[in-house]
C-alpha atoms as a PDB file:
ATOM      1  CA  MET A   1      95.335  31.080  10.401  1.00  0.00           C
ATOM      2  CA  SER A   2      96.666  33.246  13.180  1.00  0.00           C
ATOM      3  CA  PHE A   3      96.307  36.924  14.088  1.00  0.00           C
ATOM      4  CA  SER A   4      98.326  39.034  16.305  1.00  0.00           C
ATOM      5  CA  ILE A   5      97.264  42.055  18.362  1.00  0.00           C
ATOM      6  CA  ASN A   6      99.468  44.271  16.108  1.00  0.00           C
ATOM      7  CA  ASP A   7      97.264  43.287  13.181  1.00  0.00           C
ATOM      8  CA  PHE A   8      94.138  44.548  14.874  1.00  0.00           C
ATOM      9  CA  GLN A   9      95.881  47.736  16.071  1.00  0.00           C
ATOM     10  CA  GLN A  10      97.062  48.356  12.391  1.00  0.00           C
ATOM     11  CA  ASN A  11      93.583  47.764  10.955  1.00  0.00           C
ATOM     12  CA  GLU A  12      91.766  49.719  13.466  1.00  0.00           C
ATOM     13  CA  PRO A  13      90.689  53.198  12.203  1.00  0.00           C
ATOM     14  CA  LYS A  14      92.328  56.202  14.052  1.00  0.00           C
ATOM     15  CA  HIS A  15      90.190  59.051  15.176  1.00  0.00           C
ATOM     16  CA  GLU A  16      92.211  62.057  15.950  1.00  0.00           C
ATOM     17  CA  ILE A  17      90.783  65.025  17.993  1.00  0.00           C
ATOM     18  CA  PRO A  18      91.655  68.294  16.338  1.00  0.00           C
ATOM     19  CA  LYS A  19      93.905  70.496  18.415  1.00  0.00           C
ATOM     20  CA  ARG A  20      94.251  74.107  18.475  1.00  0.00           C
ATOM     21  CA  ASP A  21      97.855  75.222  18.476  1.00  0.00           C
ATOM     22  CA  LYS A  22      99.209  78.053  20.663  1.00  0.00           C
ATOM     23  CA  THR A  23      99.163  80.527  17.847  1.00  0.00           C
ATOM     24  CA  GLN A  24      95.303  80.078  17.482  1.00  0.00           C
ATOM     25  CA  LEU A  25      94.910  80.590  21.323  1.00  0.00           C
ATOM     26  CA  ARG A  26      96.789  83.716  21.278  1.00  0.00           C
ATOM     27  CA  ASP A  27      94.776  85.026  18.497  1.00  0.00           C
ATOM     28  CA  ASP A  28      91.561  84.101  20.177  1.00  0.00           C
ATOM     29  CA  PRO A  29      89.927  87.420  21.264  1.00  0.00           C
ATOM     30  CA  GLY A  30      87.989  85.634  24.118  1.00  0.00           C
ATOM     31  CA  PHE A  31      91.167  84.136  25.579  1.00  0.00           C
ATOM     32  CA  ALA A  32      92.958  87.510  25.505  1.00  0.00           C
ATOM     33  CA  SER A  33      90.192  89.259  27.149  1.00  0.00           C
ATOM     34  CA  ALA A  34      90.019  86.754  30.002  1.00  0.00           C
ATOM     35  CA  LYS A  35      93.693  87.001  30.550  1.00  0.00           C
ATOM     36  CA  LEU A  36      93.580  90.885  30.565  1.00  0.00           C
ATOM     37  CA  ALA A  37      90.680  90.778  32.973  1.00  0.00           C
ATOM     38  CA  ALA A  38      92.537  88.493  35.425  1.00  0.00           C
ATOM     39  CA  PHE A  39      95.578  90.740  35.370  1.00  0.00           C
ATOM     40  CA  GLN A  40      93.288  93.731  36.064  1.00  0.00           C
ATOM     41  CA  TYR A  41      91.691  92.073  38.975  1.00  0.00           C
ATOM     42  CA  ILE A  42      94.987  91.068  40.568  1.00  0.00           C
ATOM     43  CA  ALA A  43      96.377  94.574  40.087  1.00  0.00           C
ATOM     44  CA  VAL A  44      93.237  96.197  41.723  1.00  0.00           C
ATOM     45  CA  GLY A  45      93.532  93.814  44.598  1.00  0.00           C
ATOM     46  CA  VAL A  46      97.105  94.594  45.226  1.00  0.00           C
ATOM     47  CA  PHE A  47      96.433  98.320  45.045  1.00  0.00           C
ATOM     48  CA  ILE A  48      93.558  97.959  47.481  1.00  0.00           C
ATOM     49  CA  ILE A  49      95.859  96.155  49.967  1.00  0.00           C
ATOM     50  CA  LEU A  50      98.567  98.810  49.695  1.00  0.00           C
ATOM     51  CA  VAL A  51      96.129 101.658  50.145  1.00  0.00           C
ATOM     52  CA  SER A  52      94.542 100.132  53.177  1.00  0.00           C
ATOM     53  CA  GLY A  53      97.907  99.475  54.786  1.00  0.00           C
ATOM     54  CA  PHE A  54      98.928 103.102  54.049  1.00  0.00           C
ATOM     55  CA  TRP A  55      95.682 104.391  55.399  1.00  0.00           C
ATOM     56  CA  GLU A  56      96.111 102.369  58.757  1.00  0.00           C
ATOM     57  CA  LEU A  57      99.806 103.332  59.014  1.00  0.00           C
ATOM     58  CA  GLN A  58      99.584 107.080  58.140  1.00  0.00           C
ATOM     59  CA  ILE A  59      95.995 108.141  58.945  1.00  0.00           C
ATOM     60  CA  GLN A  60      94.458 105.959  61.567  1.00  0.00           C
ATOM     61  CA  SER A  61      97.226 105.318  64.065  1.00  0.00           C
ATOM     62  CA  PRO A  62     100.533 106.844  63.027  1.00  0.00           C
ATOM     63  CA  GLU A  63     101.613 107.552  66.675  1.00  0.00           C
ATOM     64  CA  ILE A  64     101.262 103.805  67.617  1.00  0.00           C
ATOM     65  CA  TYR A  65     103.616 102.758  64.832  1.00  0.00           C
ATOM     66  CA  ASN A  66     105.987 105.639  65.374  1.00  0.00           C
ATOM     67  CA  GLU A  67     106.188 104.555  68.959  1.00  0.00           C
ATOM     68  CA  ARG A  68     106.927 100.962  68.003  1.00  0.00           C
ATOM     69  CA  ALA A  69     109.516 101.954  65.551  1.00  0.00           C
ATOM     70  CA  GLU A  70     111.216 104.253  68.044  1.00  0.00           C
ATOM     71  CA  LYS A  71     111.069 101.481  70.746  1.00  0.00           C
ATOM     72  CA  ASN A  72     112.646  99.009  68.396  1.00  0.00           C
ATOM     73  CA  ARG A  73     115.345 101.412  67.595  1.00  0.00           C
ATOM     74  CA  ILE A  74     116.718 103.329  70.668  1.00  0.00           C
ATOM     75  CA  LYS A  75     116.332 102.383  74.267  1.00  0.00           C
ATOM     76  CA  ALA A  76     117.584 104.079  77.408  1.00  0.00           C
ATOM     77  CA  PHE A  77     119.206 102.087  80.218  1.00  0.00           C
ATOM     78  CA  PRO A  78     119.484 103.781  83.622  1.00  0.00           C
ATOM     79  CA  LEU A  79     122.983 103.876  85.345  1.00  0.00           C
ATOM     80  CA  VAL A  80     122.255 104.191  89.027  1.00  0.00           C
ATOM     81  CA  ALA A  81     124.781 106.469  90.891  1.00  0.00           C
ATOM     82  CA  PRO A  82     126.261 105.079  94.153  1.00  0.00           C
ATOM     83  CA  ARG A  83     125.684 107.134  97.366  1.00  0.00           C
ATOM     84  CA  GLY A  84     128.624 108.551  99.203  1.00  0.00           C
ATOM     85  CA  LYS A  85     130.306 106.526 101.829  1.00  0.00           C
ATOM     86  CA  ILE A  86     130.048 107.408 105.616  1.00  0.00           C
ATOM     87  CA  LEU A  87     133.403 107.540 107.497  1.00  0.00           C
ATOM     88  CA  ASP A  88     134.412 107.805 111.044  1.00  0.00           C
ATOM     89  CA  ARG A  89     136.701 110.547 112.372  1.00  0.00           C
ATOM     90  CA  ASP A  90     139.893 108.670 111.210  1.00  0.00           C
ATOM     91  CA  GLY A  91     138.491 107.829 107.731  1.00  0.00           C
ATOM     92  CA  ARG A  92     137.527 104.393 108.462  1.00  0.00           C
ATOM     93  CA  VAL A  93     134.322 103.206 106.464  1.00  0.00           C
ATOM     94  CA  ILE A  94     131.139 102.812 108.515  1.00  0.00           C
ATOM     95  CA  VAL A  95     128.656 102.609 105.670  1.00  0.00           C
ATOM     96  CA  ASP A  96     129.709 101.359 102.264  1.00  0.00           C
ATOM     97  CA  ASN A  97     128.048 100.092  99.091  1.00  0.00           C
ATOM     98  CA  HIS A  98     128.274  96.820  97.280  1.00  0.00           C
ATOM     99  CA  SER A  99     127.259  95.830  93.696  1.00  0.00           C
ATOM    100  CA  ALA A 100     123.985  94.022  93.218  1.00  0.00           C
ATOM    101  CA  TRP A 101     121.546  93.325  90.424  1.00  0.00           C
ATOM    102  CA  SER A 102     118.076  94.861  90.330  1.00  0.00           C
ATOM    103  CA  LEU A 103     115.262  93.897  88.202  1.00  0.00           C
ATOM    104  CA  ILE A 104     113.159  96.458  86.176  1.00  0.00           C
ATOM    105  CA  LEU A 105     110.159  96.129  84.052  1.00  0.00           C
ATOM    106  CA  SER A 106     110.195  97.958  80.710  1.00  0.00           C
ATOM    107  CA  ARG A 107     106.835  99.536  80.261  1.00  0.00           C
ATOM    108  CA  GLU A 108     107.317  99.704  76.570  1.00  0.00           C
ATOM    109  CA  ASN A 109     107.133  95.871  76.488  1.00  0.00           C
ATOM    110  CA  LEU A 110     105.000  95.319  79.565  1.00  0.00           C
ATOM    111  CA  LYS A 111     102.047  92.940  79.439  1.00  0.00           C
ATOM    112  CA  GLU A 112     100.028  92.885  82.666  1.00  0.00           C
ATOM    113  CA  GLU A 113      98.951  89.248  82.150  1.00  0.00           C
ATOM    114  CA  HIS A 114     102.615  88.358  82.868  1.00  0.00           C
ATOM    115  CA  LEU A 115     102.621  89.951  86.277  1.00  0.00           C
ATOM    116  CA  HIS A 116     101.202  86.913  88.058  1.00  0.00           C
ATOM    117  CA  GLU A 117     103.903  84.585  86.752  1.00  0.00           C
ATOM    118  CA  ILE A 118     106.564  87.214  87.439  1.00  0.00           C
ATOM    119  CA  ALA A 119     105.446  87.557  91.049  1.00  0.00           C
ATOM    120  CA  ASP A 120     105.445  83.841  91.551  1.00  0.00           C
ATOM    121  CA  GLY A 121     108.896  83.326  90.166  1.00  0.00           C
ATOM    122  CA  LEU A 122     110.448  86.134  92.148  1.00  0.00           C
ATOM    123  CA  HIS A 123     108.598  85.421  95.355  1.00  0.00           C
ATOM    124  CA  LEU A 124     106.866  88.848  95.325  1.00  0.00           C
ATOM    125  CA  ASP A 125     103.376  89.730  96.521  1.00  0.00           C
ATOM    126  CA  TYR A 126     101.152  89.915  93.352  1.00  0.00           C
ATOM    127  CA  ASP A 127      98.838  92.624  94.668  1.00  0.00           C
ATOM    128  CA  ASP A 128     101.763  94.882  95.692  1.00  0.00           C
ATOM    129  CA  LEU A 129     103.303  94.372  92.254  1.00  0.00           C
ATOM    130  CA  VAL A 130     100.130  95.388  90.576  1.00  0.00           C
ATOM    131  CA  LYS A 131      99.787  98.578  92.708  1.00  0.00           C
ATOM    132  CA  ARG A 132     103.355  99.307  91.945  1.00  0.00           C
ATOM    133  CA  VAL A 133     102.674  99.077  88.079  1.00  0.00           C
ATOM    134  CA  GLN A 134      99.572 101.185  88.423  1.00  0.00           C
ATOM    135  CA  ARG A 135     101.488 104.002  90.191  1.00  0.00           C
ATOM    136  CA  TYR A 136     103.560 104.459  87.026  1.00  0.00           C
ATOM    137  CA  ARG A 137     100.771 104.832  84.578  1.00  0.00           C
ATOM    138  CA  ARG A 138     100.831 108.598  84.628  1.00  0.00           C
ATOM    139  CA  ARG A 139     104.562 108.731  84.214  1.00  0.00           C
ATOM    140  CA  PRO A 140     106.343 108.798  80.794  1.00  0.00           C
ATOM    141  CA  LYS A 141     106.683 105.458  79.125  1.00  0.00           C
ATOM    142  CA  TYR A 142     110.406 105.453  78.988  1.00  0.00           C
ATOM    143  CA  GLU A 143     110.653 105.373  82.818  1.00  0.00           C
ATOM    144  CA  PRO A 144     111.197 101.730  84.068  1.00  0.00           C
ATOM    145  CA  ILE A 145     109.733 100.177  87.241  1.00  0.00           C
ATOM    146  CA  ILE A 146     112.172  98.634  89.634  1.00  0.00           C
ATOM    147  CA  ILE A 147     110.358  95.728  91.159  1.00  0.00           C
ATOM    148  CA  LYS A 148     113.056  93.910  93.111  1.00  0.00           C
ATOM    149  CA  GLU A 149     116.543  94.798  94.344  1.00  0.00           C
ATOM    150  CA  ASP A 150     119.491  92.702  95.391  1.00  0.00           C
ATOM    151  CA  LEU A 151     118.426  89.639  93.441  1.00  0.00           C
ATOM    152  CA  SER A 152     119.449  86.292  94.750  1.00  0.00           C
ATOM    153  CA  THR A 153     121.077  83.556  92.627  1.00  0.00           C
ATOM    154  CA  ALA A 154     117.656  81.881  92.301  1.00  0.00           C
ATOM    155  CA  ASP A 155     116.191  85.190  91.186  1.00  0.00           C
ATOM    156  CA  LEU A 156     118.885  85.646  88.561  1.00  0.00           C
ATOM    157  CA  ALA A 157     118.412  82.163  87.244  1.00  0.00           C
ATOM    158  CA  PHE A 158     114.678  82.755  86.884  1.00  0.00           C
ATOM    159  CA  VAL A 159     115.130  86.087  85.027  1.00  0.00           C
ATOM    160  CA  ASN A 160     117.895  84.764  82.723  1.00  0.00           C
ATOM    161  CA  ALA A 161     116.009  81.610  81.799  1.00  0.00           C
ATOM    162  CA  HIS A 162     112.866  83.648  80.824  1.00  0.00           C
ATOM    163  CA  LYS A 163     114.752  86.348  78.925  1.00  0.00           C
ATOM    164  CA  ASP A 164     116.606  83.857  76.918  1.00  0.00           C
ATOM    165  CA  ASN A 165     113.373  82.174  75.609  1.00  0.00           C
ATOM    166  CA  GLU A 166     111.659  85.504  75.371  1.00  0.00           C
ATOM    167  CA  THR A 167     108.841  84.573  77.636  1.00  0.00           C
ATOM    168  CA  PHE A 168     108.893  87.856  79.559  1.00  0.00           C
ATOM    169  CA  PRO A 169     110.479  90.434  77.351  1.00  0.00           C
ATOM    170  CA  GLU A 170     109.628  93.273  79.815  1.00  0.00           C
ATOM    171  CA  MET A 171     112.111  92.034  82.381  1.00  0.00           C
ATOM    172  CA  GLU A 172     115.563  93.708  82.376  1.00  0.00           C
ATOM    173  CA  LEU A 173     118.498  93.507  84.747  1.00  0.00           C
ATOM    174  CA  ILE A 174     120.492  96.526  85.772  1.00  0.00           C
ATOM    175  CA  GLU A 175     123.498  96.781  88.081  1.00  0.00           C
ATOM    176  CA  THR A 176     123.002  98.913  91.171  1.00  0.00           C
ATOM    177  CA  GLN A 177     124.777  99.802  94.395  1.00  0.00           C
ATOM    178  CA  ARG A 178     123.171  98.550  97.527  1.00  0.00           C
ATOM    179  CA  ARG A 179     123.853 100.139 100.933  1.00  0.00           C
ATOM    180  CA  LEU A 180     125.946  98.094 103.340  1.00  0.00           C
ATOM    181  CA  TYR A 181     125.476  98.928 107.073  1.00  0.00           C
ATOM    182  CA  PRO A 182     127.323  97.680 110.121  1.00  0.00           C
ATOM    183  CA  GLN A 183     126.064  94.422 111.590  1.00  0.00           C
ATOM    184  CA  ASN A 184     124.284  93.907 114.899  1.00  0.00           C
ATOM    185  CA  GLY A 185     122.527  97.358 114.737  1.00  0.00           C
ATOM    186  CA  VAL A 186     125.739  99.317 115.460  1.00  0.00           C
ATOM    187  CA  LEU A 187     125.050 103.119 115.063  1.00  0.00           C
ATOM    188  CA  ALA A 188     121.662 102.117 113.506  1.00  0.00           C
ATOM    189  CA  HIS A 189     119.758 105.027 115.256  1.00  0.00           C
ATOM    190  CA  LEU A 190     122.316 107.546 114.350  1.00  0.00           C
ATOM    191  CA  ILE A 191     122.976 106.593 110.722  1.00  0.00           C
ATOM    192  CA  GLY A 192     119.500 105.664 109.789  1.00  0.00           C
ATOM    193  CA  TYR A 193     118.649 103.919 106.525  1.00  0.00           C
ATOM    194  CA  THR A 194     117.624 104.500 102.874  1.00  0.00           C
ATOM    195  CA  GLY A 195     114.496 103.456 101.027  1.00  0.00           C
ATOM    196  CA  GLU A 196     112.499 104.237  97.946  1.00  0.00           C
ATOM    197  CA  ILE A 197     110.688 107.535  97.919  1.00  0.00           C
ATOM    198  CA  SER A 198     106.904 107.130  98.877  1.00  0.00           C
ATOM    199  CA  GLU A 199     103.879 108.492  97.335  1.00  0.00           C
ATOM    200  CA  SER A 200     103.374 110.873 100.295  1.00  0.00           C
ATOM    201  CA  GLU A 201     106.945 112.130 100.115  1.00  0.00           C
ATOM    202  CA  LEU A 202     106.395 112.758  96.314  1.00  0.00           C
ATOM    203  CA  ASP A 203     103.422 114.993  97.266  1.00  0.00           C
ATOM    204  CA  ASN A 204     105.644 116.967  99.750  1.00  0.00           C
ATOM    205  CA  PRO A 205     107.180 120.144  98.326  1.00  0.00           C
ATOM    206  CA  ASP A 206     110.416 119.289 100.111  1.00  0.00           C
ATOM    207  CA  PHE A 207     110.958 116.339  97.736  1.00  0.00           C
ATOM    208  CA  VAL A 208     109.850 118.149  94.530  1.00  0.00           C
ATOM    209  CA  LYS A 209     113.210 117.418  92.885  1.00  0.00           C
ATOM    210  CA  TYR A 210     113.057 113.666  93.273  1.00  0.00           C
ATOM    211  CA  ASN A 211     111.341 111.261  90.994  1.00  0.00           C
ATOM    212  CA  GLN A 212     109.316 108.118  91.530  1.00  0.00           C
ATOM    213  CA  GLY A 213     111.555 105.042  92.218  1.00  0.00           C
ATOM    214  CA  GLN A 214     114.536 107.002  93.475  1.00  0.00           C
ATOM    215  CA  ILE A 215     116.298 105.861  96.807  1.00  0.00           C
ATOM    216  CA  ILE A 216     116.629 108.571  99.336  1.00  0.00           C
ATOM    217  CA  GLY A 217     117.650 108.835 103.010  1.00  0.00           C
ATOM    218  CA  LYS A 218     114.708 107.994 105.356  1.00  0.00           C
ATOM    219  CA  THR A 219     116.012 108.573 108.790  1.00  0.00           C
ATOM    220  CA  GLY A 220     119.119 109.750 110.690  1.00  0.00           C
ATOM    221  CA  ILE A 221     122.285 110.840 109.005  1.00  0.00           C
ATOM    222  CA  GLU A 222     121.168 109.300 105.627  1.00  0.00           C
ATOM    223  CA  LYS A 223     118.210 111.622 105.680  1.00  0.00           C
ATOM    224  CA  GLY A 224     119.760 114.700 107.160  1.00  0.00           C
ATOM    225  CA  TYR A 225     122.620 114.663 104.721  1.00  0.00           C
ATOM    226  CA  ASN A 226     120.725 113.124 101.800  1.00  0.00           C
ATOM    227  CA  ASP A 227     121.622 115.810  99.178  1.00  0.00           C
ATOM    228  CA  TRP A 228     125.276 115.445 100.147  1.00  0.00           C
ATOM    229  CA  LEU A 229     125.374 111.707  99.876  1.00  0.00           C
ATOM    230  CA  MET A 230     123.033 111.280  96.932  1.00  0.00           C
ATOM    231  CA  GLY A 231     124.763 111.125  93.468  1.00  0.00           C
ATOM    232  CA  VAL A 232     123.174 111.874  90.028  1.00  0.00           C
ATOM    233  CA  ASP A 233     122.101 108.980  87.848  1.00  0.00           C
ATOM    234  CA  GLY A 234     123.592 108.385  84.486  1.00  0.00           C
ATOM    235  CA  GLU A 235     122.029 106.908  81.263  1.00  0.00           C
ATOM    236  CA  ARG A 236     123.088 104.689  78.374  1.00  0.00           C
ATOM    237  CA  ARG A 237     121.202 104.989  75.046  1.00  0.00           C
ATOM    238  CA  SER A 238     121.555 102.051  72.737  1.00  0.00           C
ATOM    239  CA  ILE A 239     120.225 100.615  69.538  1.00  0.00           C
ATOM    240  CA  VAL A 240     118.175  97.605  70.192  1.00  0.00           C
ATOM    241  CA  ASP A 241     116.097  95.197  68.024  1.00  0.00           C
ATOM    242  CA  ASN A 242     112.427  94.427  68.490  1.00  0.00           C
ATOM    243  CA  LEU A 243     113.315  91.775  71.152  1.00  0.00           C
ATOM    244  CA  GLY A 244     115.148  94.402  73.271  1.00  0.00           C
ATOM    245  CA  ARG A 245     118.518  92.954  72.522  1.00  0.00           C
ATOM    246  CA  GLU A 246     121.294  95.609  72.543  1.00  0.00           C
ATOM    247  CA  HIS A 247     123.363  95.960  69.411  1.00  0.00           C
ATOM    248  CA  GLU A 248     125.112  99.342  69.672  1.00  0.00           C
ATOM    249  CA  VAL A 249     125.680 102.061  72.259  1.00  0.00           C
ATOM    250  CA  LEU A 250     124.888 105.463  70.826  1.00  0.00           C
ATOM    251  CA  GLU A 251     125.470 107.605  73.994  1.00  0.00           C
ATOM    252  CA  LYS A 252     126.481 107.159  77.527  1.00  0.00           C
ATOM    253  CA  LYS A 253     126.221 109.605  80.364  1.00  0.00           C
ATOM    254  CA  ASP A 254     128.167 108.275  83.351  1.00  0.00           C
ATOM    255  CA  ALA A 255     126.626 108.368  86.722  1.00  0.00           C
ATOM    256  CA  LEU A 256     128.002 110.983  89.232  1.00  0.00           C
ATOM    257  CA  PRO A 257     128.769 109.336  92.628  1.00  0.00           C
ATOM    258  CA  GLY A 258     127.531 110.966  95.837  1.00  0.00           C
ATOM    259  CA  LYS A 259     130.077 112.720  98.140  1.00  0.00           C
ATOM    260  CA  ASN A 260     131.679 110.913 101.210  1.00  0.00           C
ATOM    261  CA  LEU A 261     130.678 112.210 104.589  1.00  0.00           C
ATOM    262  CA  GLN A 262     133.013 112.098 107.605  1.00  0.00           C
ATOM    263  CA  LEU A 263     131.639 112.085 111.058  1.00  0.00           C
ATOM    264  CA  THR A 264     133.132 112.694 114.496  1.00  0.00           C
ATOM    265  CA  ILE A 265     132.415 109.248 115.612  1.00  0.00           C
ATOM    266  CA  ASP A 266     135.514 107.162 116.841  1.00  0.00           C
ATOM    267  CA  MET A 267     134.702 103.495 115.958  1.00  0.00           C
ATOM    268  CA  ASP A 268     137.005 102.367 118.794  1.00  0.00           C
ATOM    269  CA  LEU A 269     134.995 104.210 121.307  1.00  0.00           C
ATOM    270  CA  GLN A 270     131.757 103.077 119.643  1.00  0.00           C
ATOM    271  CA  ALA A 271     132.733  99.415 119.977  1.00  0.00           C
ATOM    272  CA  VAL A 272     133.385  99.905 123.737  1.00  0.00           C
ATOM    273  CA  ALA A 273     129.998 101.632 124.115  1.00  0.00           C
ATOM    274  CA  GLU A 274     128.265  98.846 122.200  1.00  0.00           C
ATOM    275  CA  LEU A 275     129.794  96.196 124.437  1.00  0.00           C
ATOM    276  CA  ALA A 276     128.960  98.141 127.587  1.00  0.00           C
ATOM    277  CA  MET A 277     125.264  98.127 126.566  1.00  0.00           C
ATOM    278  CA  GLY A 278     125.102  94.444 125.690  1.00  0.00           C
ATOM    279  CA  ASP A 279     121.464  93.355 126.029  1.00  0.00           C
ATOM    280  CA  LYS A 280     120.499  96.248 128.411  1.00  0.00           C
ATOM    281  CA  ARG A 281     117.944  98.835 127.365  1.00  0.00           C
ATOM    282  CA  GLY A 282     119.078 102.482 127.348  1.00  0.00           C
ATOM    283  CA  ALA A 283     121.580 104.830 125.591  1.00  0.00           C
ATOM    284  CA  VAL A 284     125.279 105.825 125.775  1.00  0.00           C
ATOM    285  CA  VAL A 285     126.689 109.043 124.463  1.00  0.00           C
ATOM    286  CA  ALA A 286     130.284 110.073 124.629  1.00  0.00           C
ATOM    287  CA  LEU A 287     131.210 113.697 123.939  1.00  0.00           C
ATOM    288  CA  ASP A 288     134.378 115.705 123.633  1.00  0.00           C
ATOM    289  CA  PRO A 289     133.922 118.479 126.250  1.00  0.00           C
ATOM    290  CA  ARG A 290     136.321 120.741 124.506  1.00  0.00           C
ATOM    291  CA  THR A 291     134.437 120.805 121.117  1.00  0.00           C
ATOM    292  CA  GLY A 292     131.099 119.188 121.782  1.00  0.00           C
ATOM    293  CA  GLU A 293     131.869 116.522 119.109  1.00  0.00           C
ATOM    294  CA  VAL A 294     129.957 113.181 119.491  1.00  0.00           C
ATOM    295  CA  LEU A 295     132.504 110.413 119.795  1.00  0.00           C
ATOM    296  CA  ALA A 296     130.221 107.485 120.382  1.00  0.00           C
ATOM    297  CA  MET A 297     126.399 106.973 120.431  1.00  0.00           C
ATOM    298  CA  ALA A 298     124.858 103.630 121.254  1.00  0.00           C
ATOM    299  CA  SER A 299     121.172 102.879 121.816  1.00  0.00           C
ATOM    300  CA  ARG A 300     119.404  99.688 122.685  1.00  0.00           C
ATOM    301  CA  PRO A 301     117.222  98.019 121.491  1.00  0.00           C
ATOM    302  CA  SER A 302     118.463  98.433 118.017  1.00  0.00           C
ATOM    303  CA  PHE A 303     117.610  97.177 114.528  1.00  0.00           C
ATOM    304  CA  ASP A 304     119.294  95.939 111.458  1.00  0.00           C
ATOM    305  CA  PRO A 305     119.185  98.859 108.836  1.00  0.00           C
ATOM    306  CA  ASN A 306     120.448  96.386 106.137  1.00  0.00           C
ATOM    307  CA  LYS A 307     116.867  95.066 105.929  1.00  0.00           C
ATOM    308  CA  PHE A 308     115.731  98.486 105.015  1.00  0.00           C
ATOM    309  CA  ALA A 309     118.372  98.868 102.321  1.00  0.00           C
ATOM    310  CA  VAL A 310     115.923  96.851 100.039  1.00  0.00           C
ATOM    311  CA  ARG A 311     112.124  96.663 100.157  1.00  0.00           C
ATOM    312  CA  ILE A 312     111.585  95.475 103.706  1.00  0.00           C
ATOM    313  CA  LYS A 313     109.115  92.509 104.356  1.00  0.00           C
ATOM    314  CA  SER A 314     106.067  93.087 106.453  1.00  0.00           C
ATOM    315  CA  LYS A 315     107.206  90.670 109.232  1.00  0.00           C
ATOM    316  CA  ASP A 316     110.554  92.463 109.542  1.00  0.00           C
ATOM    317  CA  TRP A 317     108.761  95.847 109.786  1.00  0.00           C
ATOM    318  CA  LYS A 318     106.443  94.590 112.497  1.00  0.00           C
END
């Protein structure tokens, strides 16, 4: 006699567990109450989150979020006006301008913990950079801080590399006009040089119409005829995203260049005077006795005013 597994399975009694169908679950008052309670708890939680967010946004700190929203929407970019050229009596250019790149820090995105790395990357003195930032604390937030002018190729590479990967979003490049003076100190004492307005000058009533960060004449012709040579800066207002990327220009106010200034100096006579002086110490002045016009003026020892056209280094100043 032989038996198969199927025989045992067929003879084995089957015990079925009673199941409640979906209709019975829906009709169960306990199940419905639990489902309703869960829905109510979820709805209350969502409502609390929305109310707390609204409270923080509208009641606790509305100005912070308004400022961030405005910052992420519209941004002003300065357009620096070139100074007027200085010409000799025949209209030949003595002092000119050339295009250069300057680096500004946007105070809206500024994080002071970044200053050390920025100073190292641009070969700036860290303490001087911190002091410069602190001087702007009482100024309106929309005023940028120019931290370096006439950037080198290496400086531009550093800025572009860190702007692309959004490491330092406060760094922004602007195109400026740098003063270009004659080489070898020609006419340096007469022409003088330009520089950024200082704190002491800002406190002087004579400089009340100027703002922090502006470039003005410091000595010589540059100072004496500063109002004539100095132009009026413009501005470009653009829509930007929260990373500072420009998307659309809303308004543009072009910069107004300064006026050219023509001197009585004759550059041919000036060259003769400079060669006559050579390495000697002293001065040469050539005048037209009929009119009193200064035709040439050379003084030795001289200096290179091009080093003052940007922020001069301490060793050069000494």
